[in-house]
Structure formats: C-alpha cells, structure tokens
Amino acid sequence: MAKKAGMVLSEFILLDIGGKEFSEDNALRTDESLNIIQPDFIRVHATGFKLESKVWQLIQNGIIIL
C-alpha cells in the first residue's frame, strides 16, 4: 500500500538476532519476506547487546551462540 501511494519503502533487518541455531532459518525467512515486500532499499543492522541484558547473560552462559 505504501508503494502504491508513492512512498519510498525501506526495510530494516537485524543480523545475528537468532543466534547460530536459527541463522539459516532467519536468513531464509528474511529473504522470503523481502521478496514479498519488494522494498526500495534495505538497511542492515548488526545486533548489539547491553552487558546487563538477559540476552547477554544467555550468550555468556552458552545458551545462545552468535
């Protein structure tokens, strides 16, 4: 709808958000979604974690592997 209204459509994707375990699935689903949406451009963001966050604790404990 945005593109039909003449708007520029931008999508943001996050790299490494699913960790190693889900990286292939994340890549395939991201590709599928972007092909459906057909954005004018894509912005790629690397994922960072705050040291005090629960996610960082999971990484440190080896539960999530980047």
PDB file of N, CA and C in Angstrom:
ATOM      1  N   MET A   1       0.821  -1.190   0.000  1.00  0.00           N
ATOM      2  CA  MET A   1       0.000   0.000   0.000  1.00  0.00           C
ATOM      3  C   MET A   1       0.869   1.260   0.000  1.00  0.00           C
ATOM      4  N   ALA A   2       1.980   1.189   0.753  1.00  0.00           N
ATOM      5  CA  ALA A   2       2.853   2.361   0.812  1.00  0.00           C
ATOM      6  C   ALA A   2       3.425   2.682  -0.560  1.00  0.00           C
ATOM      7  N   LYS A   3       3.895   1.658  -1.264  1.00  0.00           N
ATOM      8  CA  LYS A   3       4.463   1.889  -2.590  1.00  0.00           C
ATOM      9  C   LYS A   3       3.401   2.355  -3.580  1.00  0.00           C
ATOM     10  N   LYS A   4       2.198   1.806  -3.490  1.00  0.00           N
ATOM     11  CA  LYS A   4       1.114   2.237  -4.371  1.00  0.00           C
ATOM     12  C   LYS A   4       0.748   3.694  -4.117  1.00  0.00           C
ATOM     13  N   ALA A   5       0.984   4.162  -2.889  1.00  0.00           N
ATOM     14  CA  ALA A   5       0.704   5.554  -2.538  1.00  0.00           C
ATOM     15  C   ALA A   5       1.861   6.477  -2.919  1.00  0.00           C
ATOM     16  N   GLY A   6       2.906   5.913  -3.547  1.00  0.00           N
ATOM     17  CA  GLY A   6       4.027   6.725  -3.993  1.00  0.00           C
ATOM     18  C   GLY A   6       5.100   6.943  -2.935  1.00  0.00           C
ATOM     19  N   MET A   7       5.030   6.217  -1.839  1.00  0.00           N
ATOM     20  CA  MET A   7       6.019   6.363  -0.773  1.00  0.00           C
ATOM     21  C   MET A   7       7.237   5.485  -1.059  1.00  0.00           C
ATOM     22  N   VAL A   8       8.392   5.918  -0.590  1.00  0.00           N
ATOM     23  CA  VAL A   8       9.593   5.100  -0.655  1.00  0.00           C
ATOM     24  C   VAL A   8       9.534   4.127   0.519  1.00  0.00           C
ATOM     25  N   LEU A   9       9.736   2.863   0.238  1.00  0.00           N
ATOM     26  CA  LEU A   9       9.623   1.836   1.267  1.00  0.00           C
ATOM     27  C   LEU A   9      10.991   1.305   1.648  1.00  0.00           C
ATOM     28  N   SER A  10      11.326   1.440   2.896  1.00  0.00           N
ATOM     29  CA  SER A  10      12.598   0.971   3.426  1.00  0.00           C
ATOM     30  C   SER A  10      12.325  -0.111   4.470  1.00  0.00           C
ATOM     31  N   GLU A  11      13.120  -1.145   4.457  1.00  0.00           N
ATOM     32  CA  GLU A  11      13.022  -2.206   5.463  1.00  0.00           C
ATOM     33  C   GLU A  11      14.334  -2.296   6.219  1.00  0.00           C
ATOM     34  N   PHE A  12      14.228  -2.583   7.496  1.00  0.00           N
ATOM     35  CA  PHE A  12      15.388  -2.803   8.349  1.00  0.00           C
ATOM     36  C   PHE A  12      15.472  -4.290   8.657  1.00  0.00           C
ATOM     37  N   ILE A  13      16.669  -4.857   8.571  1.00  0.00           N
ATOM     38  CA  ILE A  13      16.855  -6.236   9.000  1.00  0.00           C
ATOM     39  C   ILE A  13      17.969  -6.264  10.047  1.00  0.00           C
ATOM     40  N   LEU A  14      17.847  -7.193  10.958  1.00  0.00           N
ATOM     41  CA  LEU A  14      18.838  -7.372  12.013  1.00  0.00           C
ATOM     42  C   LEU A  14      19.622  -8.642  11.744  1.00  0.00           C
ATOM     43  N   LEU A  15      20.929  -8.545  11.743  1.00  0.00           N
ATOM     44  CA  LEU A  15      21.770  -9.720  11.568  1.00  0.00           C
ATOM     45  C   LEU A  15      22.034 -10.373  12.914  1.00  0.00           C
ATOM     46  N   ASP A  16      22.087 -11.688  12.919  1.00  0.00           N
ATOM     47  CA  ASP A  16      22.505 -12.475  14.083  1.00  0.00           C
ATOM     48  C   ASP A  16      21.500 -12.490  15.230  1.00  0.00           C
ATOM     49  N   ILE A  17      20.267 -12.055  14.988  1.00  0.00           N
ATOM     50  CA  ILE A  17      19.305 -11.954  16.073  1.00  0.00           C
ATOM     51  C   ILE A  17      18.883 -13.330  16.582  1.00  0.00           C
ATOM     52  N   GLY A  18      18.914 -14.361  15.740  1.00  0.00           N
ATOM     53  CA  GLY A  18      18.502 -15.698  16.160  1.00  0.00           C
ATOM     54  C   GLY A  18      19.632 -16.571  16.660  1.00  0.00           C
ATOM     55  N   GLY A  19      20.845 -16.015  16.698  1.00  0.00           N
ATOM     56  CA  GLY A  19      21.979 -16.834  17.102  1.00  0.00           C
ATOM     57  C   GLY A  19      22.301 -17.871  16.045  1.00  0.00           C
ATOM     58  N   LYS A  20      23.332 -18.651  16.299  1.00  0.00           N
ATOM     59  CA  LYS A  20      23.800 -19.652  15.341  1.00  0.00           C
ATOM     60  C   LYS A  20      22.723 -20.698  15.050  1.00  0.00           C
ATOM     61  N   GLU A  21      21.984 -21.083  16.082  1.00  0.00           N
ATOM     62  CA  GLU A  21      20.984 -22.137  15.950  1.00  0.00           C
ATOM     63  C   GLU A  21      19.911 -21.808  14.913  1.00  0.00           C
ATOM     64  N   PHE A  22      19.510 -20.550  14.834  1.00  0.00           N
ATOM     65  CA  PHE A  22      18.424 -20.162  13.944  1.00  0.00           C
ATOM     66  C   PHE A  22      18.886 -19.326  12.757  1.00  0.00           C
ATOM     67  N   SER A  23      20.194 -19.241  12.527  1.00  0.00           N
ATOM     68  CA  SER A  23      20.709 -18.327  11.496  1.00  0.00           C
ATOM     69  C   SER A  23      20.228 -18.687  10.094  1.00  0.00           C
ATOM     70  N   GLU A  24      20.224 -19.958   9.741  1.00  0.00           N
ATOM     71  CA  GLU A  24      19.796 -20.338   8.392  1.00  0.00           C
ATOM     72  C   GLU A  24      18.303 -20.068   8.206  1.00  0.00           C
ATOM     73  N   ASP A  25      17.499 -20.438   9.185  1.00  0.00           N
ATOM     74  CA  ASP A  25      16.059 -20.186   9.112  1.00  0.00           C
ATOM     75  C   ASP A  25      15.777 -18.692   9.045  1.00  0.00           C
ATOM     76  N   ASN A  26      16.512 -17.911   9.852  1.00  0.00           N
ATOM     77  CA  ASN A  26      16.338 -16.463   9.852  1.00  0.00           C
ATOM     78  C   ASN A  26      16.672 -15.887   8.478  1.00  0.00           C
ATOM     79  N   ALA A  27      17.757 -16.344   7.874  1.00  0.00           N
ATOM     80  CA  ALA A  27      18.164 -15.840   6.559  1.00  0.00           C
ATOM     81  C   ALA A  27      17.118 -16.180   5.500  1.00  0.00           C
ATOM     82  N   LEU A  28      16.623 -17.411   5.515  1.00  0.00           N
ATOM     83  CA  LEU A  28      15.629 -17.827   4.522  1.00  0.00           C
ATOM     84  C   LEU A  28      14.318 -17.066   4.678  1.00  0.00           C
ATOM     85  N   ARG A  29      13.866 -16.892   5.910  1.00  0.00           N
ATOM     86  CA  ARG A  29      12.607 -16.177   6.140  1.00  0.00           C
ATOM     87  C   ARG A  29      12.754 -14.680   5.847  1.00  0.00           C
ATOM     88  N   THR A  30      13.927 -14.127   6.136  1.00  0.00           N
ATOM     89  CA  THR A  30      14.174 -12.719   5.809  1.00  0.00           C
ATOM     90  C   THR A  30      14.133 -12.531   4.291  1.00  0.00           C
ATOM     91  N   ASP A  31      14.796 -13.434   3.576  1.00  0.00           N
ATOM     92  CA  ASP A  31      14.803 -13.386   2.111  1.00  0.00           C
ATOM     93  C   ASP A  31      13.382 -13.503   1.564  1.00  0.00           C
ATOM     94  N   GLU A  32      12.628 -14.442   2.096  1.00  0.00           N
ATOM     95  CA  GLU A  32      11.243 -14.641   1.655  1.00  0.00           C
ATOM     96  C   GLU A  32      10.408 -13.377   1.886  1.00  0.00           C
ATOM     97  N   SER A  33      10.555 -12.807   3.059  1.00  0.00           N
ATOM     98  CA  SER A  33       9.782 -11.602   3.401  1.00  0.00           C
ATOM     99  C   SER A  33      10.148 -10.425   2.508  1.00  0.00           C
ATOM    100  N   LEU A  34      11.446 -10.225   2.296  1.00  0.00           N
ATOM    101  CA  LEU A  34      11.878  -9.096   1.472  1.00  0.00           C
ATOM    102  C   LEU A  34      11.439  -9.261   0.021  1.00  0.00           C
ATOM    103  N   ASN A  35      11.416 -10.489  -0.466  1.00  0.00           N
ATOM    104  CA  ASN A  35      10.945 -10.728  -1.829  1.00  0.00           C
ATOM    105  C   ASN A  35       9.462 -10.453  -1.966  1.00  0.00           C
ATOM    106  N   ILE A  36       8.697 -10.692  -0.920  1.00  0.00           N
ATOM    107  CA  ILE A  36       7.263 -10.383  -0.949  1.00  0.00           C
ATOM    108  C   ILE A  36       7.043  -8.874  -0.854  1.00  0.00           C
ATOM    109  N   ILE A  37       7.752  -8.229   0.067  1.00  0.00           N
ATOM    110  CA  ILE A  37       7.561  -6.797   0.324  1.00  0.00           C
ATOM    111  C   ILE A  37       8.107  -5.943  -0.817  1.00  0.00           C
ATOM    112  N   GLN A  38       9.227  -6.346  -1.423  1.00  0.00           N
ATOM    113  CA  GLN A  38       9.875  -5.595  -2.504  1.00  0.00           C
ATOM    114  C   GLN A  38      10.175  -4.146  -2.098  1.00  0.00           C
ATOM    115  N   PRO A  39      10.965  -3.965  -1.018  1.00  0.00           N
ATOM    116  CA  PRO A  39      11.276  -2.595  -0.598  1.00  0.00           C
ATOM    117  C   PRO A  39      12.180  -1.895  -1.613  1.00  0.00           C
ATOM    118  N   ASP A  40      12.171  -0.567  -1.551  1.00  0.00           N
ATOM    119  CA  ASP A  40      13.048   0.218  -2.413  1.00  0.00           C
ATOM    120  C   ASP A  40      14.503   0.107  -1.976  1.00  0.00           C
ATOM    121  N   PHE A  41      14.707  -0.008  -0.681  1.00  0.00           N
ATOM    122  CA  PHE A  41      16.045  -0.281  -0.171  1.00  0.00           C
ATOM    123  C   PHE A  41      15.960  -0.956   1.188  1.00  0.00           C
ATOM    124  N   ILE A  42      17.070  -1.599   1.558  1.00  0.00           N
ATOM    125  CA  ILE A  42      17.139  -2.383   2.795  1.00  0.00           C
ATOM    126  C   ILE A  42      18.281  -1.839   3.639  1.00  0.00           C
ATOM    127  N   ARG A  43      18.001  -1.627   4.891  1.00  0.00           N
ATOM    128  CA  ARG A  43      19.028  -1.196   5.833  1.00  0.00           C
ATOM    129  C   ARG A  43      19.379  -2.386   6.722  1.00  0.00           C
ATOM    130  N   VAL A  44      20.656  -2.660   6.829  1.00  0.00           N
ATOM    131  CA  VAL A  44      21.129  -3.806   7.597  1.00  0.00           C
ATOM    132  C   VAL A  44      21.764  -3.306   8.891  1.00  0.00           C
ATOM    133  N   HIS A  45      21.339  -3.880   9.979  1.00  0.00           N
ATOM    134  CA  HIS A  45      21.878  -3.517  11.282  1.00  0.00           C
ATOM    135  C   HIS A  45      22.511  -4.725  11.940  1.00  0.00           C
ATOM    136  N   ALA A  46      23.677  -4.544  12.485  1.00  0.00           N
ATOM    137  CA  ALA A  46      24.288  -5.579  13.312  1.00  0.00           C
ATOM    138  C   ALA A  46      23.635  -5.507  14.680  1.00  0.00           C
ATOM    139  N   THR A  47      23.538  -6.622  15.324  1.00  0.00           N
ATOM    140  CA  THR A  47      22.883  -6.673  16.624  1.00  0.00           C
ATOM    141  C   THR A  47      23.919  -6.501  17.729  1.00  0.00           C
ATOM    142  N   GLY A  48      23.600  -5.648  18.673  1.00  0.00           N
ATOM    143  CA  GLY A  48      24.447  -5.464  19.846  1.00  0.00           C
ATOM    144  C   GLY A  48      23.636  -5.719  21.094  1.00  0.00           C
ATOM    145  N   PHE A  49      24.290  -6.166  22.124  1.00  0.00           N
ATOM    146  CA  PHE A  49      23.592  -6.495  23.366  1.00  0.00           C
ATOM    147  C   PHE A  49      24.208  -5.730  24.529  1.00  0.00           C
ATOM    148  N   LYS A  50      23.365  -5.168  25.358  1.00  0.00           N
ATOM    149  CA  LYS A  50      23.839  -4.494  26.557  1.00  0.00           C
ATOM    150  C   LYS A  50      24.339  -5.541  27.549  1.00  0.00           C
ATOM    151  N   LEU A  51      25.428  -5.219  28.203  1.00  0.00           N
ATOM    152  CA  LEU A  51      26.041  -6.181  29.113  1.00  0.00           C
ATOM    153  C   LEU A  51      25.129  -6.593  30.258  1.00  0.00           C
ATOM    154  N   GLU A  52      24.204  -5.725  30.634  1.00  0.00           N
ATOM    155  CA  GLU A  52      23.303  -6.045  31.746  1.00  0.00           C
ATOM    156  C   GLU A  52      22.015  -6.732  31.286  1.00  0.00           C
ATOM    157  N   SER A  53      21.886  -7.031  29.988  1.00  0.00           N
ATOM    158  CA  SER A  53      20.643  -7.615  29.478  1.00  0.00           C
ATOM    159  C   SER A  53      20.583  -9.125  29.703  1.00  0.00           C
ATOM    160  N   LYS A  54      19.357  -9.635  29.695  1.00  0.00           N
ATOM    161  CA  LYS A  54      19.124 -11.068  29.831  1.00  0.00           C
ATOM    162  C   LYS A  54      19.737 -11.813  28.645  1.00  0.00           C
ATOM    163  N   VAL A  55      19.634 -11.239  27.450  1.00  0.00           N
ATOM    164  CA  VAL A  55      20.201 -11.883  26.268  1.00  0.00           C
ATOM    165  C   VAL A  55      21.710 -12.034  26.420  1.00  0.00           C
ATOM    166  N   TRP A  56      22.376 -11.011  26.923  1.00  0.00           N
ATOM    167  CA  TRP A  56      23.827 -11.092  27.109  1.00  0.00           C
ATOM    168  C   TRP A  56      24.178 -12.197  28.106  1.00  0.00           C
ATOM    169  N   GLN A  57      23.371 -12.359  29.136  1.00  0.00           N
ATOM    170  CA  GLN A  57      23.593 -13.443  30.110  1.00  0.00           C
ATOM    171  C   GLN A  57      23.455 -14.806  29.424  1.00  0.00           C
ATOM    172  N   LEU A  58      22.470 -14.939  28.538  1.00  0.00           N
ATOM    173  CA  LEU A  58      22.289 -16.190  27.806  1.00  0.00           C
ATOM    174  C   LEU A  58      23.478 -16.473  26.894  1.00  0.00           C
ATOM    175  N   ILE A  59      24.014 -15.430  26.289  1.00  0.00           N
ATOM    176  CA  ILE A  59      25.211 -15.582  25.433  1.00  0.00           C
ATOM    177  C   ILE A  59      26.397 -16.013  26.294  1.00  0.00           C
ATOM    178  N   GLN A  60      26.590 -15.346  27.400  1.00  0.00           N
ATOM    179  CA  GLN A  60      27.712 -15.666  28.287  1.00  0.00           C
ATOM    180  C   GLN A  60      27.619 -17.086  28.839  1.00  0.00           C
ATOM    181  N   ASN A  61      26.392 -17.571  29.049  1.00  0.00           N
ATOM    182  CA  ASN A  61      26.190 -18.924  29.578  1.00  0.00           C
ATOM    183  C   ASN A  61      26.179 -19.994  28.484  1.00  0.00           C
ATOM    184  N   GLY A  62      26.378 -19.585  27.230  1.00  0.00           N
ATOM    185  CA  GLY A  62      26.442 -20.534  26.124  1.00  0.00           C
ATOM    186  C   GLY A  62      25.094 -21.047  25.656  1.00  0.00           C
ATOM    187  N   ILE A  63      24.013 -20.444  26.131  1.00  0.00           N
ATOM    188  CA  ILE A  63      22.674 -20.862  25.709  1.00  0.00           C
ATOM    189  C   ILE A  63      22.357 -20.349  24.306  1.00  0.00           C
ATOM    190  N   ILE A  64      22.793 -19.120  24.019  1.00  0.00           N
ATOM    191  CA  ILE A  64      22.709 -18.550  22.676  1.00  0.00           C
ATOM    192  C   ILE A  64      24.129 -18.422  22.160  1.00  0.00           C
ATOM    193  N   ILE A  65      24.359 -18.945  20.942  1.00  0.00           N
ATOM    194  CA  ILE A  65      25.684 -18.866  20.335  1.00  0.00           C
ATOM    195  C   ILE A  65      25.576 -17.984  19.099  1.00  0.00           C
ATOM    196  N   LEU A  66      26.311 -16.895  19.120  1.00  0.00           N
ATOM    197  CA  LEU A  66      26.275 -15.968  17.978  1.00  0.00           C
ATOM    198  C   LEU A  66      27.078 -16.533  16.823  1.00  0.00           C
TER     199      LEU A  66
END
